[in-house]
Amino acid sequence: MLGKIGKKIFDEVIYPNLGEVRKEVIVPPRNGVDVGVVDLGDGRVLVTKTDPVFVVKEYGLRKAAWFAVHILASDLMTSGIPPQYALIDLNLPPSMEDEELKEMWEGISDSLKEINVMVIGGHTGRYEGVNYPMLGGFTMLGIGEKERLANPSKVKVGDEVVVTKGPAIEATALLVNTFPDVFKEEMSEDSFREAMDMYWKMSCWKDGLVASKVGVNAMHDATEGGLWNALVEMSESSGRGMAIEKEKVPIPRSVREVTDLVDIDPFTSISEGTMVIITSNGEEVVKLLKREGIGAEVIGKVTEDKAVRVDGNVIGRPDYDPFWVAFSEVGKKGKEALKKRGKNKT
């Protein structure tokens, strides 16, 4: 099975074998937690996160570099502590020319400048067997006050659950940006443009930065499995449940149109750019986010039990993310795939 390994393999193989256990590591690798944390012993913590260097060449190397940076920055920002430093290992395909490397690297550098991060080390080389989109490994680090650290252990009954932007942000952006000719004739002009521009919303770095100014207890971005999976992961890592009202979840018009066209559930579809925030001051967090141009709503509360309930019904981890099937079908068959899925509007 492609993609991230499942919870079973993580719990049975990865987690029990982490090398020497060190007491200053206060957040080790955990399923559903985006960062690792080291207590520096002086009231500060070091927060770190590693991901692949994910570059989709077809988007243009500068545009793809922006996404590669923000995927990682978004994860680290879930700690409430912004990234400051980066290490990058570039394993490049032999076919990549020097001018292409220059374009990509300048895109990475410019994107890092936007979020005040500096590269402090790494490795670069060309190797047989390497190909897009996975071009190596990327690590970000941040140092901040321990008391400001967002962590599932801080989640309390009665806390409010805030979601930014809505579900299927990434699914919508990637489908339309990858196959614009397929979707342009099937969507209204305004929705098509909104979906194209949604590419630049596939980051929740700013969401977390803004929310942390008010105060947060835990944050998590909704990647594979979408919003519902993110909520379940937060519930499992915190040991608390949630009561969610589905109608309160904001859904952009373009998300509704695109997910309807390809017949996928927006709530279980990949959604980089959607931040789930647990805070004791939801309305103030929402107010500040909206002031910064980031859509957000309070969608529920933390409960005593350990289940996530949406409109009273318990939800679990989705069996799979429907985005990948839709992406593959549209890539192979274009508009015929939309007709096959029964959602063509012409």
C-alpha atoms as a PDB file:
ATOM      1  CA  MET A   1       0.000   0.000   0.000  1.00  0.00           C
ATOM      2  CA  LEU A   2       1.400   3.392  -1.026  1.00  0.00           C
ATOM      3  CA  GLY A   3       1.531   6.476   1.173  1.00  0.00           C
ATOM      4  CA  LYS A   4       1.978   6.778   4.911  1.00  0.00           C
ATOM      5  CA  ILE A   5       2.221   3.554   6.880  1.00  0.00           C
ATOM      6  CA  GLY A   6      -0.785   2.660   9.003  1.00  0.00           C
ATOM      7  CA  LYS A   7      -1.173   3.035  12.754  1.00  0.00           C
ATOM      8  CA  LYS A   8      -0.683  -0.723  13.317  1.00  0.00           C
ATOM      9  CA  ILE A   9       2.794  -0.794  11.730  1.00  0.00           C
ATOM     10  CA  PHE A  10       3.736   2.440  13.474  1.00  0.00           C
ATOM     11  CA  ASP A  11       2.704   1.101  16.885  1.00  0.00           C
ATOM     12  CA  GLU A  12       4.272  -2.334  16.385  1.00  0.00           C
ATOM     13  CA  VAL A  13       7.467  -1.513  14.482  1.00  0.00           C
ATOM     14  CA  ILE A  14       8.412   2.163  14.630  1.00  0.00           C
ATOM     15  CA  TYR A  15       7.418   3.345  18.096  1.00  0.00           C
ATOM     16  CA  PRO A  16       9.083   0.522  20.097  1.00  0.00           C
ATOM     17  CA  ASN A  17      12.408   1.058  18.285  1.00  0.00           C
ATOM     18  CA  LEU A  18      13.494   4.679  18.653  1.00  0.00           C
ATOM     19  CA  GLY A  19      17.096   4.118  19.676  1.00  0.00           C
ATOM     20  CA  GLU A  20      18.235   5.302  23.093  1.00  0.00           C
ATOM     21  CA  VAL A  21      15.382   6.822  25.098  1.00  0.00           C
ATOM     22  CA  ARG A  22      16.302  10.293  26.362  1.00  0.00           C
ATOM     23  CA  LYS A  23      14.387  11.944  29.178  1.00  0.00           C
ATOM     24  CA  GLU A  24      14.565  15.452  27.669  1.00  0.00           C
ATOM     25  CA  VAL A  25      12.420  14.296  24.724  1.00  0.00           C
ATOM     26  CA  ILE A  26       8.971  15.255  25.982  1.00  0.00           C
ATOM     27  CA  VAL A  27       7.080  14.562  22.730  1.00  0.00           C
ATOM     28  CA  PRO A  28       8.492  11.517  20.902  1.00  0.00           C
ATOM     29  CA  PRO A  29       7.141  10.273  17.555  1.00  0.00           C
ATOM     30  CA  ARG A  30       3.403   9.628  17.978  1.00  0.00           C
ATOM     31  CA  ASN A  31       0.680   8.719  15.523  1.00  0.00           C
ATOM     32  CA  GLY A  32      -1.480  11.790  14.921  1.00  0.00           C
ATOM     33  CA  VAL A  33       1.056  14.245  16.410  1.00  0.00           C
ATOM     34  CA  ASP A  34       2.921  16.360  13.863  1.00  0.00           C
ATOM     35  CA  VAL A  35       6.098  17.275  15.771  1.00  0.00           C
ATOM     36  CA  GLY A  36       8.789  16.041  18.115  1.00  0.00           C
ATOM     37  CA  VAL A  37       9.762  18.183  21.117  1.00  0.00           C
ATOM     38  CA  VAL A  38      12.950  18.405  23.200  1.00  0.00           C
ATOM     39  CA  ASP A  39      12.966  20.230  26.560  1.00  0.00           C
ATOM     40  CA  LEU A  40      16.047  22.477  26.578  1.00  0.00           C
ATOM     41  CA  GLY A  41      15.904  22.805  30.365  1.00  0.00           C
ATOM     42  CA  ASP A  42      15.816  26.609  30.476  1.00  0.00           C
ATOM     43  CA  GLY A  43      12.111  27.219  29.991  1.00  0.00           C
ATOM     44  CA  ARG A  44      12.384  26.700  26.243  1.00  0.00           C
ATOM     45  CA  VAL A  45      11.723  23.783  23.913  1.00  0.00           C
ATOM     46  CA  LEU A  46      13.114  22.705  20.549  1.00  0.00           C
ATOM     47  CA  VAL A  47      10.386  21.617  18.132  1.00  0.00           C
ATOM     48  CA  THR A  48      11.185  19.658  14.981  1.00  0.00           C
ATOM     49  CA  LYS A  49       9.450  18.116  11.979  1.00  0.00           C
ATOM     50  CA  THR A  50      10.667  16.160   8.926  1.00  0.00           C
ATOM     51  CA  ASP A  51       8.884  15.476   5.626  1.00  0.00           C
ATOM     52  CA  PRO A  52       9.854  14.546   2.067  1.00  0.00           C
ATOM     53  CA  VAL A  53      10.909  17.304  -0.318  1.00  0.00           C
ATOM     54  CA  PHE A  54       7.696  17.066  -2.356  1.00  0.00           C
ATOM     55  CA  VAL A  55       8.007  18.800  -5.751  1.00  0.00           C
ATOM     56  CA  VAL A  56       5.426  18.415  -8.524  1.00  0.00           C
ATOM     57  CA  LYS A  57       7.343  19.660 -11.571  1.00  0.00           C
ATOM     58  CA  GLU A  58       4.186  20.125 -13.665  1.00  0.00           C
ATOM     59  CA  TYR A  59       3.085  23.073 -11.476  1.00  0.00           C
ATOM     60  CA  GLY A  60       6.286  24.959 -12.294  1.00  0.00           C
ATOM     61  CA  LEU A  61       9.319  24.589 -10.060  1.00  0.00           C
ATOM     62  CA  ARG A  62       8.886  27.840  -8.143  1.00  0.00           C
ATOM     63  CA  LYS A  63       5.225  27.198  -7.474  1.00  0.00           C
ATOM     64  CA  ALA A  64       5.970  23.611  -6.450  1.00  0.00           C
ATOM     65  CA  ALA A  65       8.783  24.790  -4.161  1.00  0.00           C
ATOM     66  CA  TRP A  66       6.347  27.039  -2.275  1.00  0.00           C
ATOM     67  CA  PHE A  67       4.160  24.042  -1.503  1.00  0.00           C
ATOM     68  CA  ALA A  68       7.128  21.907  -0.437  1.00  0.00           C
ATOM     69  CA  VAL A  69       8.087  24.570   2.114  1.00  0.00           C
ATOM     70  CA  HIS A  70       4.584  25.183   3.428  1.00  0.00           C
ATOM     71  CA  ILE A  71       3.693  21.497   3.884  1.00  0.00           C
ATOM     72  CA  LEU A  72       6.521  21.307   6.399  1.00  0.00           C
ATOM     73  CA  ALA A  73       6.008  24.720   7.990  1.00  0.00           C
ATOM     74  CA  SER A  74       2.317  23.942   8.523  1.00  0.00           C
ATOM     75  CA  ASP A  75       3.153  20.774  10.445  1.00  0.00           C
ATOM     76  CA  LEU A  76       5.689  22.480  12.683  1.00  0.00           C
ATOM     77  CA  MET A  77       3.339  25.388  13.338  1.00  0.00           C
ATOM     78  CA  THR A  78       0.843  22.986  14.928  1.00  0.00           C
ATOM     79  CA  SER A  79       3.122  23.205  17.971  1.00  0.00           C
ATOM     80  CA  GLY A  80       2.292  26.885  18.393  1.00  0.00           C
ATOM     81  CA  ILE A  81       5.990  27.653  17.908  1.00  0.00           C
ATOM     82  CA  PRO A  82       7.000  29.006  14.479  1.00  0.00           C
ATOM     83  CA  PRO A  83       9.818  27.442  12.445  1.00  0.00           C
ATOM     84  CA  GLN A  84      13.149  29.277  12.371  1.00  0.00           C
ATOM     85  CA  TYR A  85      15.724  26.890  10.887  1.00  0.00           C
ATOM     86  CA  ALA A  86      15.775  24.266   8.140  1.00  0.00           C
ATOM     87  CA  LEU A  87      17.910  21.320   7.023  1.00  0.00           C
ATOM     88  CA  ILE A  88      17.379  19.934   3.532  1.00  0.00           C
ATOM     89  CA  ASP A  89      18.635  16.814   1.762  1.00  0.00           C
ATOM     90  CA  LEU A  90      18.142  17.150  -2.000  1.00  0.00           C
ATOM     91  CA  ASN A  91      18.345  13.825  -3.843  1.00  0.00           C
ATOM     92  CA  LEU A  92      17.845  14.936  -7.423  1.00  0.00           C
ATOM     93  CA  PRO A  93      17.066  12.972 -10.598  1.00  0.00           C
ATOM     94  CA  PRO A  94      19.951  12.813 -13.112  1.00  0.00           C
ATOM     95  CA  SER A  95      17.691  14.492 -15.679  1.00  0.00           C
ATOM     96  CA  MET A  96      17.405  17.690 -13.616  1.00  0.00           C
ATOM     97  CA  GLU A  97      19.419  20.425 -15.301  1.00  0.00           C
ATOM     98  CA  ASP A  98      21.343  23.119 -13.428  1.00  0.00           C
ATOM     99  CA  GLU A  99      18.872  25.816 -14.519  1.00  0.00           C
ATOM    100  CA  GLU A 100      15.995  23.761 -13.138  1.00  0.00           C
ATOM    101  CA  LEU A 101      17.849  23.280  -9.856  1.00  0.00           C
ATOM    102  CA  LYS A 102      18.442  27.044  -9.700  1.00  0.00           C
ATOM    103  CA  GLU A 103      14.748  27.765 -10.307  1.00  0.00           C
ATOM    104  CA  MET A 104      13.618  25.305  -7.654  1.00  0.00           C
ATOM    105  CA  TRP A 105      16.208  26.371  -5.075  1.00  0.00           C
ATOM    106  CA  GLU A 106      15.416  30.050  -5.498  1.00  0.00           C
ATOM    107  CA  GLY A 107      11.727  29.168  -5.060  1.00  0.00           C
ATOM    108  CA  ILE A 108      12.541  27.328  -1.840  1.00  0.00           C
ATOM    109  CA  SER A 109      14.658  30.230  -0.592  1.00  0.00           C
ATOM    110  CA  ASP A 110      12.023  32.865  -1.397  1.00  0.00           C
ATOM    111  CA  SER A 111       9.328  30.787   0.329  1.00  0.00           C
ATOM    112  CA  LEU A 112      11.522  30.368   3.405  1.00  0.00           C
ATOM    113  CA  LYS A 113      12.058  34.132   3.527  1.00  0.00           C
ATOM    114  CA  GLU A 114       8.268  34.604   3.684  1.00  0.00           C
ATOM    115  CA  ILE A 115       8.162  32.627   6.932  1.00  0.00           C
ATOM    116  CA  ASN A 116      11.475  33.853   8.426  1.00  0.00           C
ATOM    117  CA  VAL A 117      13.317  30.513   8.135  1.00  0.00           C
ATOM    118  CA  MET A 118      17.003  29.975   7.265  1.00  0.00           C
ATOM    119  CA  VAL A 119      18.665  26.850   5.857  1.00  0.00           C
ATOM    120  CA  ILE A 120      21.494  25.878   8.238  1.00  0.00           C
ATOM    121  CA  GLY A 121      22.696  22.668   6.598  1.00  0.00           C
ATOM    122  CA  GLY A 122      21.942  19.769   4.285  1.00  0.00           C
ATOM    123  CA  HIS A 123      23.124  17.762   1.303  1.00  0.00           C
ATOM    124  CA  THR A 124      22.621  17.985  -2.462  1.00  0.00           C
ATOM    125  CA  GLY A 125      23.343  15.382  -5.157  1.00  0.00           C
ATOM    126  CA  ARG A 126      22.008  13.633  -8.266  1.00  0.00           C
ATOM    127  CA  TYR A 127      21.308   9.896  -8.036  1.00  0.00           C
ATOM    128  CA  GLU A 128      20.020   7.098 -10.238  1.00  0.00           C
ATOM    129  CA  GLY A 129      16.555   5.829  -9.355  1.00  0.00           C
ATOM    130  CA  VAL A 130      15.337   9.198  -8.043  1.00  0.00           C
ATOM    131  CA  ASN A 131      12.358  10.904  -9.653  1.00  0.00           C
ATOM    132  CA  TYR A 132       9.730  13.547  -8.984  1.00  0.00           C
ATOM    133  CA  PRO A 133       7.898  14.284  -6.757  1.00  0.00           C
ATOM    134  CA  MET A 134       9.981  12.879  -3.844  1.00  0.00           C
ATOM    135  CA  LEU A 135      13.369  14.611  -3.977  1.00  0.00           C
ATOM    136  CA  GLY A 136      14.838  13.966  -0.544  1.00  0.00           C
ATOM    137  CA  GLY A 137      14.151  14.989   3.035  1.00  0.00           C
ATOM    138  CA  PHE A 138      13.308  18.340   4.642  1.00  0.00           C
ATOM    139  CA  THR A 139      13.498  19.236   8.348  1.00  0.00           C
ATOM    140  CA  MET A 140      12.395  22.401  10.133  1.00  0.00           C
ATOM    141  CA  LEU A 141      13.145  23.433  13.698  1.00  0.00           C
ATOM    142  CA  GLY A 142      11.796  26.097  16.023  1.00  0.00           C
ATOM    143  CA  ILE A 143      12.742  27.211  19.533  1.00  0.00           C
ATOM    144  CA  GLY A 144      10.206  28.818  21.859  1.00  0.00           C
ATOM    145  CA  GLU A 145       8.822  29.111  25.355  1.00  0.00           C
ATOM    146  CA  LYS A 146       7.720  25.803  26.823  1.00  0.00           C
ATOM    147  CA  GLU A 147       4.538  27.308  28.271  1.00  0.00           C
ATOM    148  CA  ARG A 148       3.393  28.291  24.770  1.00  0.00           C
ATOM    149  CA  LEU A 149       3.760  24.761  23.393  1.00  0.00           C
ATOM    150  CA  ALA A 150       0.524  23.337  21.980  1.00  0.00           C
ATOM    151  CA  ASN A 151       0.234  19.687  22.961  1.00  0.00           C
ATOM    152  CA  PRO A 152      -2.616  17.146  23.113  1.00  0.00           C
ATOM    153  CA  SER A 153      -1.971  16.712  26.855  1.00  0.00           C
ATOM    154  CA  LYS A 154      -3.291  20.266  27.370  1.00  0.00           C
ATOM    155  CA  VAL A 155      -6.725  19.515  25.885  1.00  0.00           C
ATOM    156  CA  LYS A 156      -9.536  19.931  28.434  1.00  0.00           C
ATOM    157  CA  VAL A 157     -13.221  19.060  28.504  1.00  0.00           C
ATOM    158  CA  GLY A 158     -15.181  22.107  27.389  1.00  0.00           C
ATOM    159  CA  ASP A 159     -12.475  23.430  25.050  1.00  0.00           C
ATOM    160  CA  GLU A 160     -13.776  24.639  21.693  1.00  0.00           C
ATOM    161  CA  VAL A 161     -12.887  23.103  18.327  1.00  0.00           C
ATOM    162  CA  VAL A 162     -12.096  25.595  15.570  1.00  0.00           C
ATOM    163  CA  VAL A 163     -11.534  24.691  11.913  1.00  0.00           C
ATOM    164  CA  THR A 164      -9.983  26.982   9.303  1.00  0.00           C
ATOM    165  CA  LYS A 165     -10.965  27.281   5.622  1.00  0.00           C
ATOM    166  CA  GLY A 166     -13.041  24.071   5.520  1.00  0.00           C
ATOM    167  CA  PRO A 167     -12.559  20.520   4.194  1.00  0.00           C
ATOM    168  CA  ALA A 168     -10.925  19.223   0.982  1.00  0.00           C
ATOM    169  CA  ILE A 169      -8.846  22.347   0.373  1.00  0.00           C
ATOM    170  CA  GLU A 170      -5.923  20.320  -0.977  1.00  0.00           C
ATOM    171  CA  ALA A 171      -8.095  17.856  -2.897  1.00  0.00           C
ATOM    172  CA  THR A 172      -9.833  20.724  -4.687  1.00  0.00           C
ATOM    173  CA  ALA A 173      -6.658  22.695  -5.389  1.00  0.00           C
ATOM    174  CA  LEU A 174      -4.665  19.742  -6.698  1.00  0.00           C
ATOM    175  CA  LEU A 175      -7.411  18.378  -8.933  1.00  0.00           C
ATOM    176  CA  VAL A 176      -8.114  21.706 -10.620  1.00  0.00           C
ATOM    177  CA  ASN A 177      -4.502  22.906 -10.824  1.00  0.00           C
ATOM    178  CA  THR A 178      -3.355  19.575 -12.265  1.00  0.00           C
ATOM    179  CA  PHE A 179      -6.226  19.134 -14.729  1.00  0.00           C
ATOM    180  CA  PRO A 180      -7.500  22.676 -15.458  1.00  0.00           C
ATOM    181  CA  ASP A 181      -8.807  21.795 -18.933  1.00  0.00           C
ATOM    182  CA  VAL A 182     -10.977  19.046 -17.465  1.00  0.00           C
ATOM    183  CA  PHE A 183     -12.662  21.272 -14.890  1.00  0.00           C
ATOM    184  CA  LYS A 184     -12.827  24.652 -16.598  1.00  0.00           C
ATOM    185  CA  GLU A 185     -15.824  23.808 -18.786  1.00  0.00           C
ATOM    186  CA  GLU A 186     -17.625  21.987 -15.977  1.00  0.00           C
ATOM    187  CA  MET A 187     -17.526  24.783 -13.390  1.00  0.00           C
ATOM    188  CA  SER A 188     -18.758  28.340 -13.138  1.00  0.00           C
ATOM    189  CA  GLU A 189     -16.032  30.856 -13.916  1.00  0.00           C
ATOM    190  CA  ASP A 190     -15.908  32.209 -10.358  1.00  0.00           C
ATOM    191  CA  SER A 191     -15.685  28.769  -8.787  1.00  0.00           C
ATOM    192  CA  PHE A 192     -13.002  27.648 -11.226  1.00  0.00           C
ATOM    193  CA  ARG A 193     -10.882  30.689 -10.409  1.00  0.00           C
ATOM    194  CA  GLU A 194     -11.457  30.162  -6.681  1.00  0.00           C
ATOM    195  CA  ALA A 195     -10.332  26.536  -7.014  1.00  0.00           C
ATOM    196  CA  MET A 196      -7.201  27.524  -8.942  1.00  0.00           C
ATOM    197  CA  ASP A 197      -6.330  30.174  -6.340  1.00  0.00           C
ATOM    198  CA  MET A 198      -6.918  27.648  -3.564  1.00  0.00           C
ATOM    199  CA  TYR A 199      -3.420  26.324  -4.326  1.00  0.00           C
ATOM    200  CA  TRP A 200      -2.065  29.214  -2.266  1.00  0.00           C
ATOM    201  CA  LYS A 201      -4.310  28.263   0.656  1.00  0.00           C
ATOM    202  CA  MET A 202      -2.643  24.850   1.030  1.00  0.00           C
ATOM    203  CA  SER A 203      -0.770  26.106   4.067  1.00  0.00           C
ATOM    204  CA  CYS A 204      -1.844  26.530   7.663  1.00  0.00           C
ATOM    205  CA  TRP A 205       1.396  28.149   8.831  1.00  0.00           C
ATOM    206  CA  LYS A 206      -0.294  31.533   9.163  1.00  0.00           C
ATOM    207  CA  ASP A 207      -3.423  29.951  10.688  1.00  0.00           C
ATOM    208  CA  GLY A 208      -1.365  28.524  13.540  1.00  0.00           C
ATOM    209  CA  LEU A 209       0.741  31.653  13.938  1.00  0.00           C
ATOM    210  CA  VAL A 210      -2.348  33.849  14.310  1.00  0.00           C
ATOM    211  CA  ALA A 211      -4.223  31.446  16.610  1.00  0.00           C
ATOM    212  CA  SER A 212      -1.225  31.038  18.916  1.00  0.00           C
ATOM    213  CA  LYS A 213      -1.345  34.780  19.650  1.00  0.00           C
ATOM    214  CA  VAL A 214      -4.661  34.185  21.425  1.00  0.00           C
ATOM    215  CA  GLY A 215      -3.721  30.862  22.997  1.00  0.00           C
ATOM    216  CA  VAL A 216      -4.192  27.272  21.852  1.00  0.00           C
ATOM    217  CA  ASN A 217      -4.091  23.904  23.579  1.00  0.00           C
ATOM    218  CA  ALA A 218      -3.557  21.682  20.517  1.00  0.00           C
ATOM    219  CA  MET A 219      -3.490  21.995  16.734  1.00  0.00           C
ATOM    220  CA  HIS A 220      -3.401  19.528  13.846  1.00  0.00           C
ATOM    221  CA  ASP A 221      -3.554  19.954  10.059  1.00  0.00           C
ATOM    222  CA  ALA A 222      -5.973  17.855   8.054  1.00  0.00           C
ATOM    223  CA  THR A 223      -3.891  15.927   5.559  1.00  0.00           C
ATOM    224  CA  GLU A 224      -4.680  12.383   4.340  1.00  0.00           C
ATOM    225  CA  GLY A 225      -8.120  11.245   5.444  1.00  0.00           C
ATOM    226  CA  GLY A 226      -9.267  14.834   5.617  1.00  0.00           C
ATOM    227  CA  LEU A 227     -11.020  16.715   8.396  1.00  0.00           C
ATOM    228  CA  TRP A 228     -12.724  13.688   9.946  1.00  0.00           C
ATOM    229  CA  ASN A 229      -9.431  11.804  10.200  1.00  0.00           C
ATOM    230  CA  ALA A 230      -7.727  14.834  11.768  1.00  0.00           C
ATOM    231  CA  LEU A 231     -10.424  15.026  14.441  1.00  0.00           C
ATOM    232  CA  VAL A 232     -10.120  11.311  15.230  1.00  0.00           C
ATOM    233  CA  GLU A 233      -6.328  11.567  15.448  1.00  0.00           C
ATOM    234  CA  MET A 234      -6.599  14.502  17.847  1.00  0.00           C
ATOM    235  CA  SER A 235      -9.102  12.599  19.945  1.00  0.00           C
ATOM    236  CA  GLU A 236      -6.821   9.572  20.149  1.00  0.00           C
ATOM    237  CA  SER A 237      -3.729  11.602  21.010  1.00  0.00           C
ATOM    238  CA  SER A 238      -5.503  13.673  23.679  1.00  0.00           C
ATOM    239  CA  GLY A 239      -7.664  10.918  25.156  1.00  0.00           C
ATOM    240  CA  ARG A 240     -10.723  13.178  24.829  1.00  0.00           C
ATOM    241  CA  GLY A 241     -13.812  13.098  22.656  1.00  0.00           C
ATOM    242  CA  MET A 242     -15.488  15.779  20.563  1.00  0.00           C
ATOM    243  CA  ALA A 243     -19.037  16.783  19.746  1.00  0.00           C
ATOM    244  CA  ILE A 244     -19.059  18.293  16.248  1.00  0.00           C
ATOM    245  CA  GLU A 245     -21.904  20.037  14.384  1.00  0.00           C
ATOM    246  CA  LYS A 246     -21.448  19.332  10.683  1.00  0.00           C
ATOM    247  CA  GLU A 247     -23.487  22.318   9.512  1.00  0.00           C
ATOM    248  CA  LYS A 248     -21.057  24.668  11.245  1.00  0.00           C
ATOM    249  CA  VAL A 249     -18.108  23.485   9.133  1.00  0.00           C
ATOM    250  CA  PRO A 250     -17.413  26.119   6.445  1.00  0.00           C
ATOM    251  CA  ILE A 251     -17.291  24.740   2.892  1.00  0.00           C
ATOM    252  CA  PRO A 252     -16.148  27.019   0.030  1.00  0.00           C
ATOM    253  CA  ARG A 253     -18.316  26.943  -3.090  1.00  0.00           C
ATOM    254  CA  SER A 254     -15.489  25.604  -5.258  1.00  0.00           C
ATOM    255  CA  VAL A 255     -14.949  22.698  -2.858  1.00  0.00           C
ATOM    256  CA  ARG A 256     -18.605  21.751  -3.128  1.00  0.00           C
ATOM    257  CA  GLU A 257     -18.490  21.908  -6.938  1.00  0.00           C
ATOM    258  CA  VAL A 258     -15.260  19.964  -7.411  1.00  0.00           C
ATOM    259  CA  THR A 259     -15.986  17.218  -4.876  1.00  0.00           C
ATOM    260  CA  ASP A 260     -19.468  16.864  -6.368  1.00  0.00           C
ATOM    261  CA  LEU A 261     -18.056  16.576  -9.895  1.00  0.00           C
ATOM    262  CA  VAL A 262     -15.687  13.760  -8.909  1.00  0.00           C
ATOM    263  CA  ASP A 263     -18.147  12.273  -6.401  1.00  0.00           C
ATOM    264  CA  ILE A 264     -15.915  12.227  -3.309  1.00  0.00           C
ATOM    265  CA  ASP A 265     -16.673  13.002   0.320  1.00  0.00           C
ATOM    266  CA  PRO A 266     -15.050  16.360   1.131  1.00  0.00           C
ATOM    267  CA  PHE A 267     -14.834  15.508   4.835  1.00  0.00           C
ATOM    268  CA  THR A 268     -12.565  12.489   4.287  1.00  0.00           C
ATOM    269  CA  SER A 269     -10.484  13.978   1.441  1.00  0.00           C
ATOM    270  CA  ILE A 270      -6.935  15.280   1.826  1.00  0.00           C
ATOM    271  CA  SER A 271      -6.905  18.874   3.006  1.00  0.00           C
ATOM    272  CA  GLU A 272      -3.503  20.450   3.615  1.00  0.00           C
ATOM    273  CA  GLY A 273      -4.328  24.049   4.558  1.00  0.00           C
ATOM    274  CA  THR A 274      -7.113  23.128   6.974  1.00  0.00           C
ATOM    275  CA  MET A 275      -6.055  23.619  10.600  1.00  0.00           C
ATOM    276  CA  VAL A 276      -7.966  22.106  13.493  1.00  0.00           C
ATOM    277  CA  ILE A 277      -7.443  24.225  16.607  1.00  0.00           C
ATOM    278  CA  ILE A 278      -8.473  23.313  20.139  1.00  0.00           C
ATOM    279  CA  THR A 279      -8.634  26.339  22.385  1.00  0.00           C
ATOM    280  CA  SER A 280     -10.401  27.660  25.456  1.00  0.00           C
ATOM    281  CA  ASN A 281     -11.229  30.868  23.567  1.00  0.00           C
ATOM    282  CA  GLY A 282     -12.704  29.834  20.237  1.00  0.00           C
ATOM    283  CA  GLU A 283     -14.602  32.996  19.397  1.00  0.00           C
ATOM    284  CA  GLU A 284     -11.532  35.176  19.933  1.00  0.00           C
ATOM    285  CA  VAL A 285      -9.400  32.857  17.793  1.00  0.00           C
ATOM    286  CA  VAL A 286     -12.010  32.945  14.998  1.00  0.00           C
ATOM    287  CA  LYS A 287     -12.252  36.740  15.229  1.00  0.00           C
ATOM    288  CA  LEU A 288      -8.497  37.211  14.872  1.00  0.00           C
ATOM    289  CA  LEU A 289      -8.225  34.672  12.031  1.00  0.00           C
ATOM    290  CA  LYS A 290     -10.991  36.385  10.067  1.00  0.00           C
ATOM    291  CA  ARG A 291      -9.313  39.748  10.649  1.00  0.00           C
ATOM    292  CA  GLU A 292      -6.264  38.254   8.904  1.00  0.00           C
ATOM    293  CA  GLY A 293      -8.374  37.031   5.972  1.00  0.00           C
ATOM    294  CA  ILE A 294      -8.508  33.379   7.079  1.00  0.00           C
ATOM    295  CA  GLY A 295     -11.962  31.794   7.161  1.00  0.00           C
ATOM    296  CA  ALA A 296     -12.684  29.935  10.415  1.00  0.00           C
ATOM    297  CA  GLU A 297     -15.559  28.754  12.595  1.00  0.00           C
ATOM    298  CA  VAL A 298     -16.131  27.075  15.940  1.00  0.00           C
ATOM    299  CA  ILE A 299     -17.555  23.663  15.004  1.00  0.00           C
ATOM    300  CA  GLY A 300     -17.855  21.893  18.359  1.00  0.00           C
ATOM    301  CA  LYS A 301     -16.531  21.165  21.826  1.00  0.00           C
ATOM    302  CA  VAL A 302     -14.240  18.699  23.590  1.00  0.00           C
ATOM    303  CA  THR A 303     -16.140  16.085  25.606  1.00  0.00           C
ATOM    304  CA  GLU A 304     -15.431  13.677  28.446  1.00  0.00           C
ATOM    305  CA  ASP A 305     -15.778  10.465  26.436  1.00  0.00           C
ATOM    306  CA  LYS A 306     -13.179   9.310  23.905  1.00  0.00           C
ATOM    307  CA  ALA A 307     -15.361   9.284  20.782  1.00  0.00           C
ATOM    308  CA  VAL A 308     -15.694  11.862  18.024  1.00  0.00           C
ATOM    309  CA  ARG A 309     -19.382  12.411  17.366  1.00  0.00           C
ATOM    310  CA  VAL A 310     -20.645  14.325  14.347  1.00  0.00           C
ATOM    311  CA  ASP A 311     -24.287  15.323  14.843  1.00  0.00           C
ATOM    312  CA  GLY A 312     -24.429  12.652  17.552  1.00  0.00           C
ATOM    313  CA  ASN A 313     -23.003   9.824  15.408  1.00  0.00           C
ATOM    314  CA  VAL A 314     -19.616   8.309  16.234  1.00  0.00           C
ATOM    315  CA  ILE A 315     -17.055   8.507  13.425  1.00  0.00           C
ATOM    316  CA  GLY A 316     -13.798   6.570  13.061  1.00  0.00           C
ATOM    317  CA  ARG A 317     -10.758   6.788  10.838  1.00  0.00           C
ATOM    318  CA  PRO A 318     -11.746   6.699   7.146  1.00  0.00           C
ATOM    319  CA  ASP A 319     -10.839   3.414   5.459  1.00  0.00           C
ATOM    320  CA  TYR A 320      -9.143   5.324   2.643  1.00  0.00           C
ATOM    321  CA  ASP A 321      -8.812   8.814   1.187  1.00  0.00           C
ATOM    322  CA  PRO A 322     -11.123   9.031  -1.880  1.00  0.00           C
ATOM    323  CA  PHE A 323      -9.039  11.800  -3.436  1.00  0.00           C
ATOM    324  CA  TRP A 324      -6.384   9.423  -4.740  1.00  0.00           C
ATOM    325  CA  VAL A 325      -8.853   7.320  -6.732  1.00  0.00           C
ATOM    326  CA  ALA A 326     -10.507  10.392  -8.226  1.00  0.00           C
ATOM    327  CA  PHE A 327      -7.129  11.958  -9.064  1.00  0.00           C
ATOM    328  CA  SER A 328      -6.017   8.784 -10.842  1.00  0.00           C
ATOM    329  CA  GLU A 329      -9.237   8.426 -12.811  1.00  0.00           C
ATOM    330  CA  VAL A 330      -9.332  12.055 -13.934  1.00  0.00           C
ATOM    331  CA  GLY A 331      -5.659  11.844 -14.886  1.00  0.00           C
ATOM    332  CA  LYS A 332      -6.261   8.811 -17.089  1.00  0.00           C
ATOM    333  CA  LYS A 333      -9.653   9.595 -18.590  1.00  0.00           C
ATOM    334  CA  GLY A 334     -10.236  13.323 -18.181  1.00  0.00           C
ATOM    335  CA  LYS A 335     -13.839  14.395 -18.687  1.00  0.00           C
ATOM    336  CA  GLU A 336     -14.872  10.800 -19.308  1.00  0.00           C
ATOM    337  CA  ALA A 337     -14.012  10.102 -15.663  1.00  0.00           C
ATOM    338  CA  LEU A 338     -16.440  12.804 -14.529  1.00  0.00           C
ATOM    339  CA  LYS A 339     -19.202  11.283 -16.650  1.00  0.00           C
ATOM    340  CA  LYS A 340     -18.419   7.817 -15.322  1.00  0.00           C
ATOM    341  CA  ARG A 341     -18.723   9.091 -11.766  1.00  0.00           C
ATOM    342  CA  GLY A 342     -22.166  10.382 -12.603  1.00  0.00           C
ATOM    343  CA  LYS A 343     -21.560  14.029 -11.862  1.00  0.00           C
ATOM    344  CA  ASN A 344     -21.034  15.701 -15.248  1.00  0.00           C
ATOM    345  CA  LYS A 345     -23.206  18.823 -15.464  1.00  0.00           C
ATOM    346  CA  THR A 346     -23.369  19.186 -19.226  1.00  0.00           C
END
